[in-house]
PDB file of N, CA and C in Angstrom:
ATOM      1  N   UNK A   1     -50.812  27.251  86.158  1.00  0.00           N
ATOM      2  CA  UNK A   1     -50.984  28.444  86.929  1.00  0.00           C
ATOM      3  C   UNK A   1     -52.750  28.160  87.169  1.00  0.00           C
ATOM      4  N   UNK A   2     -53.129  28.435  88.169  1.00  0.00           N
ATOM      5  CA  UNK A   2     -54.509  28.366  88.415  1.00  0.00           C
ATOM      6  C   UNK A   2     -54.955  29.642  88.616  1.00  0.00           C
ATOM      7  N   UNK A   3     -56.156  30.110  88.260  1.00  0.00           N
ATOM      8  CA  UNK A   3     -56.672  31.174  88.504  1.00  0.00           C
ATOM      9  C   UNK A   3     -57.404  31.279  89.890  1.00  0.00           C
ATOM     10  N   UNK A   4     -56.999  32.067  90.734  1.00  0.00           N
ATOM     11  CA  UNK A   4     -57.595  32.237  92.234  1.00  0.00           C
ATOM     12  C   UNK A   4     -58.591  33.469  92.292  1.00  0.00           C
ATOM     13  N   UNK A   5     -59.819  33.423  92.318  1.00  0.00           N
ATOM     14  CA  UNK A   5     -60.798  34.607  92.630  1.00  0.00           C
ATOM     15  C   UNK A   5     -60.584  34.870  94.055  1.00  0.00           C
ATOM     16  N   UNK A   6     -60.724  35.973  94.324  1.00  0.00           N
ATOM     17  CA  UNK A   6     -60.528  36.648  95.805  1.00  0.00           C
ATOM     18  C   UNK A   6     -62.108  36.878  96.094  1.00  0.00           C
ATOM     19  N   UNK A   7     -62.990  36.725  95.424  1.00  0.00           N
ATOM     20  CA  UNK A   7     -64.427  36.983  95.788  1.00  0.00           C
ATOM     21  C   UNK A   7     -64.823  38.281  96.128  1.00  0.00           C
ATOM     22  N   UNK A   8     -65.332  38.631  97.103  1.00  0.00           N
ATOM     23  CA  UNK A   8     -65.694  40.103  97.661  1.00  0.00           C
ATOM     24  C   UNK A   8     -64.593  40.728  98.087  1.00  0.00           C
ATOM     25  N   UNK A   9     -63.473  40.127  98.532  1.00  0.00           N
ATOM     26  CA  UNK A   9     -62.207  40.875  99.246  1.00  0.00           C
ATOM     27  C   UNK A   9     -61.771  41.697  98.145  1.00  0.00           C
ATOM     28  N   UNK A  10     -61.818  41.573  96.988  1.00  0.00           N
ATOM     29  CA  UNK A  10     -61.194  42.603  96.004  1.00  0.00           C
ATOM     30  C   UNK A  10     -61.862  43.593  95.878  1.00  0.00           C
ATOM     31  N   UNK A  11     -63.301  43.789  96.483  1.00  0.00           N
ATOM     32  CA  UNK A  11     -63.925  45.007  96.354  1.00  0.00           C
ATOM     33  C   UNK A  11     -63.706  45.747  97.877  1.00  0.00           C
ATOM     34  N   UNK A  12     -63.387  45.467  98.690  1.00  0.00           N
ATOM     35  CA  UNK A  12     -63.335  46.015 100.015  1.00  0.00           C
ATOM     36  C   UNK A  12     -62.571  47.097 100.078  1.00  0.00           C
ATOM     37  N   UNK A  13     -61.308  47.138  99.379  1.00  0.00           N
ATOM     38  CA  UNK A  13     -60.279  48.124  99.091  1.00  0.00           C
ATOM     39  C   UNK A  13     -60.748  49.247  98.818  1.00  0.00           C
ATOM     40  N   UNK A  14     -62.069  49.511  98.041  1.00  0.00           N
ATOM     41  CA  UNK A  14     -62.476  50.751  97.593  1.00  0.00           C
ATOM     42  C   UNK A  14     -63.410  51.314  98.527  1.00  0.00           C
ATOM     43  N   UNK A  15     -63.683  50.745  99.443  1.00  0.00           N
ATOM     44  CA  UNK A  15     -64.560  51.535 100.425  1.00  0.00           C
ATOM     45  C   UNK A  15     -63.886  52.287 101.583  1.00  0.00           C
ATOM     46  N   UNK A  16     -64.187  53.527 101.741  1.00  0.00           N
ATOM     47  CA  UNK A  16     -63.682  54.272 102.666  1.00  0.00           C
ATOM     48  C   UNK A  16     -64.336  53.792 104.203  1.00  0.00           C
ATOM     49  N   UNK A  17     -63.715  53.907 105.308  1.00  0.00           N
ATOM     50  CA  UNK A  17     -64.205  53.719 106.386  1.00  0.00           C
ATOM     51  C   UNK A  17     -65.555  54.185 106.749  1.00  0.00           C
ATOM     52  N   UNK A  18     -65.780  55.533 106.276  1.00  0.00           N
ATOM     53  CA  UNK A  18     -66.846  56.562 106.481  1.00  0.00           C
ATOM     54  C   UNK A  18     -68.347  55.762 105.701  1.00  0.00           C
ATOM     55  N   UNK A  19     -67.730  55.218 104.803  1.00  0.00           N
ATOM     56  CA  UNK A  19     -68.827  54.405 103.840  1.00  0.00           C
ATOM     57  C   UNK A  19     -69.425  53.324 104.374  1.00  0.00           C
ATOM     58  N   UNK A  20     -68.280  52.494 105.022  1.00  0.00           N
ATOM     59  CA  UNK A  20     -68.707  51.185 105.723  1.00  0.00           C
ATOM     60  C   UNK A  20     -69.326  51.352 106.999  1.00  0.00           C
ATOM     61  N   UNK A  21     -69.164  52.643 107.756  1.00  0.00           N
ATOM     62  CA  UNK A  21     -69.955  52.727 108.800  1.00  0.00           C
ATOM     63  C   UNK A  21     -71.331  53.284 108.492  1.00  0.00           C
ATOM     64  N   UNK A  22     -71.315  54.123 107.271  1.00  0.00           N
ATOM     65  CA  UNK A  22     -72.896  54.505 106.987  1.00  0.00           C
ATOM     66  C   UNK A  22     -73.639  53.408 106.214  1.00  0.00           C
ATOM     67  N   UNK A  23     -73.033  52.270 105.562  1.00  0.00           N
ATOM     68  CA  UNK A  23     -73.865  51.194 105.220  1.00  0.00           C
ATOM     69  C   UNK A  23     -74.024  50.505 106.320  1.00  0.00           C
ATOM     70  N   UNK A  24     -73.415  50.495 107.428  1.00  0.00           N
ATOM     71  CA  UNK A  24     -73.781  49.382 108.658  1.00  0.00           C
ATOM     72  C   UNK A  24     -74.822  50.114 109.315  1.00  0.00           C
ATOM     73  N   UNK A  25     -74.855  51.350 109.692  1.00  0.00           N
ATOM     74  CA  UNK A  25     -75.863  52.263 110.087  1.00  0.00           C
ATOM     75  C   UNK A  25     -77.027  52.174 109.357  1.00  0.00           C
ATOM     76  N   UNK A  26     -77.050  52.251 107.799  1.00  0.00           N
ATOM     77  CA  UNK A  26     -78.156  52.140 107.172  1.00  0.00           C
ATOM     78  C   UNK A  26     -78.845  50.469 107.228  1.00  0.00           C
ATOM     79  N   UNK A  27     -78.049  49.745 107.533  1.00  0.00           N
ATOM     80  CA  UNK A  27     -78.588  48.441 107.435  1.00  0.00           C
ATOM     81  C   UNK A  27     -79.272  48.138 108.754  1.00  0.00           C
ATOM     82  N   UNK A  28     -78.633  48.481 109.882  1.00  0.00           N
ATOM     83  CA  UNK A  28     -79.542  48.331 111.221  1.00  0.00           C
ATOM     84  C   UNK A  28     -80.816  49.263 111.328  1.00  0.00           C
ATOM     85  N   UNK A  29     -80.656  50.343 110.634  1.00  0.00           N
ATOM     86  CA  UNK A  29     -82.076  51.171 110.510  1.00  0.00           C
ATOM     87  C   UNK A  29     -83.116  50.504 109.647  1.00  0.00           C
ATOM     88  N   UNK A  30     -82.717  49.718 108.841  1.00  0.00           N
ATOM     89  CA  UNK A  30     -83.628  49.131 107.748  1.00  0.00           C
ATOM     90  C   UNK A  30     -84.245  47.694 108.633  1.00  0.00           C
ATOM     91  N   UNK A  31     -83.342  47.036 109.342  1.00  0.00           N
ATOM     92  CA  UNK A  31     -83.410  45.860 110.006  1.00  0.00           C
ATOM     93  C   UNK A  31     -84.529  46.311 111.040  1.00  0.00           C
ATOM     94  N   UNK A  32     -84.371  47.470 111.559  1.00  0.00           N
ATOM     95  CA  UNK A  32     -85.243  47.972 112.713  1.00  0.00           C
ATOM     96  C   UNK A  32     -86.684  48.193 112.390  1.00  0.00           C
ATOM     97  N   UNK A  33     -86.572  48.746 111.013  1.00  0.00           N
ATOM     98  CA  UNK A  33     -88.016  49.346 110.465  1.00  0.00           C
ATOM     99  C   UNK A  33     -88.727  47.986 110.040  1.00  0.00           C
ATOM    100  N   UNK A  34     -88.027  47.082 109.526  1.00  0.00           N
ATOM    101  CA  UNK A  34     -88.857  45.768 108.903  1.00  0.00           C
ATOM    102  C   UNK A  34     -89.420  44.889 110.265  1.00  0.00           C
ATOM    103  N   UNK A  35     -88.538  44.888 111.240  1.00  0.00           N
ATOM    104  CA  UNK A  35     -89.161  44.354 112.507  1.00  0.00           C
ATOM    105  C   UNK A  35     -90.118  45.173 113.177  1.00  0.00           C
ATOM    106  N   UNK A  36     -90.172  46.337 113.083  1.00  0.00           N
ATOM    107  CA  UNK A  36     -91.249  47.288 113.706  1.00  0.00           C
ATOM    108  C   UNK A  36     -92.649  47.112 113.203  1.00  0.00           C
ATOM    109  N   UNK A  37     -93.681  46.702 114.296  1.00  0.00           N
ATOM    110  CA  UNK A  37     -94.984  46.584 113.819  1.00  0.00           C
ATOM    111  C   UNK A  37     -95.643  47.823 113.514  1.00  0.00           C
ATOM    112  N   UNK A  38     -96.647  48.057 112.379  1.00  0.00           N
ATOM    113  CA  UNK A  38     -96.970  48.939 112.200  1.00  0.00           C
ATOM    114  C   UNK A  38     -98.172  49.820 113.171  1.00  0.00           C
ATOM    115  N   UNK A  39     -98.475  50.743 113.445  1.00  0.00           N
ATOM    116  CA  UNK A  39     -99.408  51.547 114.508  1.00  0.00           C
ATOM    117  C   UNK A  39    -100.786  51.516 113.832  1.00  0.00           C
ATOM    118  N   UNK A  40    -101.694  51.179 114.403  1.00  0.00           N
ATOM    119  CA  UNK A  40    -103.081  50.942 113.992  1.00  0.00           C
ATOM    120  C   UNK A  40    -103.879  52.010 114.921  1.00  0.00           C
ATOM    121  N   UNK A  41    -104.651  53.006 114.420  1.00  0.00           N
ATOM    122  CA  UNK A  41    -105.463  53.832 115.177  1.00  0.00           C
ATOM    123  C   UNK A  41    -106.620  53.125 115.416  1.00  0.00           C
ATOM    124  N   UNK A  42    -107.354  53.815 116.488  1.00  0.00           N
ATOM    125  CA  UNK A  42    -108.917  53.024 116.731  1.00  0.00           C
ATOM    126  C   UNK A  42    -109.738  53.023 115.717  1.00  0.00           C
ATOM    127  N   UNK A  43    -109.807  53.951 114.788  1.00  0.00           N
ATOM    128  CA  UNK A  43    -110.831  54.108 113.784  1.00  0.00           C
ATOM    129  C   UNK A  43    -110.471  52.755 112.970  1.00  0.00           C
ATOM    130  N   UNK A  44    -109.292  52.708 112.537  1.00  0.00           N
ATOM    131  CA  UNK A  44    -108.956  51.326 111.727  1.00  0.00           C
ATOM    132  C   UNK A  44    -109.402  50.110 112.448  1.00  0.00           C
ATOM    133  N   UNK A  45    -109.082  50.050 113.788  1.00  0.00           N
ATOM    134  CA  UNK A  45    -109.686  49.047 114.459  1.00  0.00           C
ATOM    135  C   UNK A  45    -110.990  48.601 114.624  1.00  0.00           C
ATOM    136  N   UNK A  46    -111.860  49.735 114.344  1.00  0.00           N
ATOM    137  CA  UNK A  46    -113.282  49.714 114.438  1.00  0.00           C
ATOM    138  C   UNK A  46    -113.652  49.278 112.988  1.00  0.00           C
ATOM    139  N   UNK A  47    -113.015  49.702 111.830  1.00  0.00           N
ATOM    140  CA  UNK A  47    -113.331  49.235 110.650  1.00  0.00           C
ATOM    141  C   UNK A  47    -113.104  47.744 110.474  1.00  0.00           C
ATOM    142  N   UNK A  48    -111.974  47.284 111.031  1.00  0.00           N
ATOM    143  CA  UNK A  48    -111.669  45.847 110.937  1.00  0.00           C
ATOM    144  C   UNK A  48    -112.662  45.236 111.408  1.00  0.00           C
ATOM    145  N   UNK A  49    -113.111  45.633 112.664  1.00  0.00           N
ATOM    146  CA  UNK A  49    -113.941  44.422 113.591  1.00  0.00           C
ATOM    147  C   UNK A  49    -115.381  44.706 112.909  1.00  0.00           C
ATOM    148  N   UNK A  50    -115.679  45.755 112.105  1.00  0.00           N
ATOM    149  CA  UNK A  50    -117.131  46.074 111.400  1.00  0.00           C
ATOM    150  C   UNK A  50    -116.996  45.195 110.375  1.00  0.00           C
ATOM    151  N   UNK A  51    -115.943  44.836 109.724  1.00  0.00           N
ATOM    152  CA  UNK A  51    -115.859  43.783 108.549  1.00  0.00           C
ATOM    153  C   UNK A  51    -115.732  42.515 108.942  1.00  0.00           C
ATOM    154  N   UNK A  52    -115.214  42.178 110.003  1.00  0.00           N
ATOM    155  CA  UNK A  52    -115.299  40.738 110.533  1.00  0.00           C
ATOM    156  C   UNK A  52    -116.747  40.372 111.032  1.00  0.00           C
TER     157      UNK A  52
END
């Protein structure tokens, strides 16, 4: 007899559909926040230019 592990499949049964939907929503929000560039106001631009 060999031991067969189901991997992450054994944990999927404890997640409710609402939890899965919220986790997917959270992941897309985090991905969008990571890809978004920060806004720099004109005062910061002038500080950067003066330092350069």
